[in-house]
Amino acid sequence: MARILEKSRSPKWVYDDSGEVIEVILGYDDFKTLLQKVARETDWETLPPHLQDAVDAMLMEEANEENSETRPLRDLLRETGDVS
């Protein structure tokens, strides 16, 4: 049976009966920091799909937090001359 070493804050380490770490539970801020590091330093093609999805969700959340005007991609590309 796994047991969790309780601390007042994350990360929380989960150990199996033999005392080996089997899992680490991160708080949201730590998880977001980890995803940012993964996004910066890892080849996208080597990431498993669940991490690609997590990075995509984080980037969408960051974009939504910016509260800037949204514009269609085609209009932006037209302005740069990349699409007619």
C-alpha atoms as a PDB file:
ATOM      1  CA  MET A   1       0.000   0.000   0.000  1.00  0.00           C
ATOM      2  CA  ALA A   2       1.366   3.430  -0.958  1.00  0.00           C
ATOM      3  CA  ARG A   3       1.731   6.134   1.620  1.00  0.00           C
ATOM      4  CA  ILE A   4       2.104   9.882   1.184  1.00  0.00           C
ATOM      5  CA  LEU A   5       4.608  11.919   3.147  1.00  0.00           C
ATOM      6  CA  GLU A   6       2.532  14.862   4.270  1.00  0.00           C
ATOM      7  CA  LYS A   7       4.041  18.318   4.086  1.00  0.00           C
ATOM      8  CA  SER A   8       2.402  21.670   4.391  1.00  0.00           C
ATOM      9  CA  ARG A   9       3.065  22.382   0.719  1.00  0.00           C
ATOM     10  CA  SER A  10       3.882  20.548  -2.471  1.00  0.00           C
ATOM     11  CA  PRO A  11       5.537  18.578  -3.794  1.00  0.00           C
ATOM     12  CA  LYS A  12       4.306  15.534  -1.948  1.00  0.00           C
ATOM     13  CA  TRP A  13       6.295  12.341  -2.271  1.00  0.00           C
ATOM     14  CA  VAL A  14       4.443   9.025  -2.478  1.00  0.00           C
ATOM     15  CA  TYR A  15       6.314   5.922  -1.328  1.00  0.00           C
ATOM     16  CA  ASP A  16       5.575   2.232  -1.716  1.00  0.00           C
ATOM     17  CA  ASP A  17       5.840  -0.257   1.150  1.00  0.00           C
ATOM     18  CA  SER A  18       9.568  -0.701   0.570  1.00  0.00           C
ATOM     19  CA  GLY A  19      10.222   3.039   0.883  1.00  0.00           C
ATOM     20  CA  GLU A  20      10.771   3.706  -2.825  1.00  0.00           C
ATOM     21  CA  VAL A  21       9.346   6.885  -4.331  1.00  0.00           C
ATOM     22  CA  ILE A  22       6.622   5.879  -6.774  1.00  0.00           C
ATOM     23  CA  GLU A  23       4.976   9.226  -7.423  1.00  0.00           C
ATOM     24  CA  VAL A  24       5.366  12.950  -6.814  1.00  0.00           C
ATOM     25  CA  ILE A  25       2.273  15.108  -6.431  1.00  0.00           C
ATOM     26  CA  LEU A  26       2.807  18.707  -7.548  1.00  0.00           C
ATOM     27  CA  GLY A  27       0.757  21.756  -6.754  1.00  0.00           C
ATOM     28  CA  TYR A  28      -0.661  23.734  -9.670  1.00  0.00           C
ATOM     29  CA  ASP A  29       2.088  26.375  -9.696  1.00  0.00           C
ATOM     30  CA  ASP A  30       4.848  23.754  -9.591  1.00  0.00           C
ATOM     31  CA  PHE A  31       3.154  21.756 -12.350  1.00  0.00           C
ATOM     32  CA  LYS A  32       2.834  24.875 -14.502  1.00  0.00           C
ATOM     33  CA  THR A  33       6.541  25.645 -13.949  1.00  0.00           C
ATOM     34  CA  LEU A  34       7.436  22.081 -14.947  1.00  0.00           C
ATOM     35  CA  LEU A  35       5.342  22.335 -18.122  1.00  0.00           C
ATOM     36  CA  GLN A  36       6.974  25.658 -19.050  1.00  0.00           C
ATOM     37  CA  LYS A  37      10.402  24.054 -18.671  1.00  0.00           C
ATOM     38  CA  VAL A  38       9.325  21.022 -20.710  1.00  0.00           C
ATOM     39  CA  ALA A  39       7.946  23.299 -23.442  1.00  0.00           C
ATOM     40  CA  ARG A  40      11.197  25.290 -23.619  1.00  0.00           C
ATOM     41  CA  GLU A  41      13.721  22.482 -23.417  1.00  0.00           C
ATOM     42  CA  THR A  42      12.180  19.394 -25.010  1.00  0.00           C
ATOM     43  CA  ASP A  43      11.722  18.420 -28.628  1.00  0.00           C
ATOM     44  CA  TRP A  44       7.967  18.500 -29.180  1.00  0.00           C
ATOM     45  CA  GLU A  45       8.025  15.335 -31.274  1.00  0.00           C
ATOM     46  CA  THR A  46       9.535  13.336 -28.413  1.00  0.00           C
ATOM     47  CA  LEU A  47       6.855  14.307 -25.894  1.00  0.00           C
ATOM     48  CA  PRO A  48       4.141  11.760 -25.157  1.00  0.00           C
ATOM     49  CA  PRO A  49       0.668  12.899 -26.243  1.00  0.00           C
ATOM     50  CA  HIS A  50      -0.532  13.551 -22.667  1.00  0.00           C
ATOM     51  CA  LEU A  51       2.328  16.035 -22.110  1.00  0.00           C
ATOM     52  CA  GLN A  52       1.683  17.690 -25.477  1.00  0.00           C
ATOM     53  CA  ASP A  53      -1.945  18.125 -24.405  1.00  0.00           C
ATOM     54  CA  ALA A  54      -0.906  19.554 -21.033  1.00  0.00           C
ATOM     55  CA  VAL A  55       1.478  22.053 -22.655  1.00  0.00           C
ATOM     56  CA  ASP A  56      -1.243  23.034 -25.167  1.00  0.00           C
ATOM     57  CA  ALA A  57      -3.715  23.623 -22.327  1.00  0.00           C
ATOM     58  CA  MET A  58      -1.168  25.723 -20.414  1.00  0.00           C
ATOM     59  CA  LEU A  59      -0.431  27.852 -23.496  1.00  0.00           C
ATOM     60  CA  MET A  60      -4.165  28.364 -24.136  1.00  0.00           C
ATOM     61  CA  GLU A  61      -4.645  29.408 -20.521  1.00  0.00           C
ATOM     62  CA  GLU A  62      -1.775  31.894 -20.762  1.00  0.00           C
ATOM     63  CA  ALA A  63      -3.208  33.321 -23.993  1.00  0.00           C
ATOM     64  CA  ASN A  64      -6.635  33.725 -22.387  1.00  0.00           C
ATOM     65  CA  GLU A  65      -5.076  35.514 -19.404  1.00  0.00           C
ATOM     66  CA  GLU A  66      -3.534  38.134 -21.693  1.00  0.00           C
ATOM     67  CA  ASN A  67      -6.983  39.633 -22.394  1.00  0.00           C
ATOM     68  CA  SER A  68      -5.780  41.015 -25.696  1.00  0.00           C
ATOM     69  CA  GLU A  69      -7.793  41.480 -28.842  1.00  0.00           C
ATOM     70  CA  THR A  70      -8.287  38.285 -30.796  1.00  0.00           C
ATOM     71  CA  ARG A  71      -7.908  38.399 -34.540  1.00  0.00           C
ATOM     72  CA  PRO A  72      -8.197  35.700 -37.193  1.00  0.00           C
ATOM     73  CA  LEU A  73      -4.873  34.162 -38.182  1.00  0.00           C
ATOM     74  CA  ARG A  74      -5.604  34.759 -41.875  1.00  0.00           C
ATOM     75  CA  ASP A  75      -5.861  38.530 -41.244  1.00  0.00           C
ATOM     76  CA  LEU A  76      -2.565  38.561 -39.350  1.00  0.00           C
ATOM     77  CA  LEU A  77      -0.811  36.590 -42.109  1.00  0.00           C
ATOM     78  CA  ARG A  78      -2.245  38.934 -44.743  1.00  0.00           C
ATOM     79  CA  GLU A  79      -0.690  41.889 -42.913  1.00  0.00           C
ATOM     80  CA  THR A  80       2.729  40.264 -43.049  1.00  0.00           C
ATOM     81  CA  GLY A  81       2.312  39.295 -46.698  1.00  0.00           C
ATOM     82  CA  ASP A  82       2.494  35.564 -45.952  1.00  0.00           C
ATOM     83  CA  VAL A  83      -1.019  34.881 -47.312  1.00  0.00           C
ATOM     84  CA  SER A  84      -2.946  36.608 -50.064  1.00  0.00           C
END
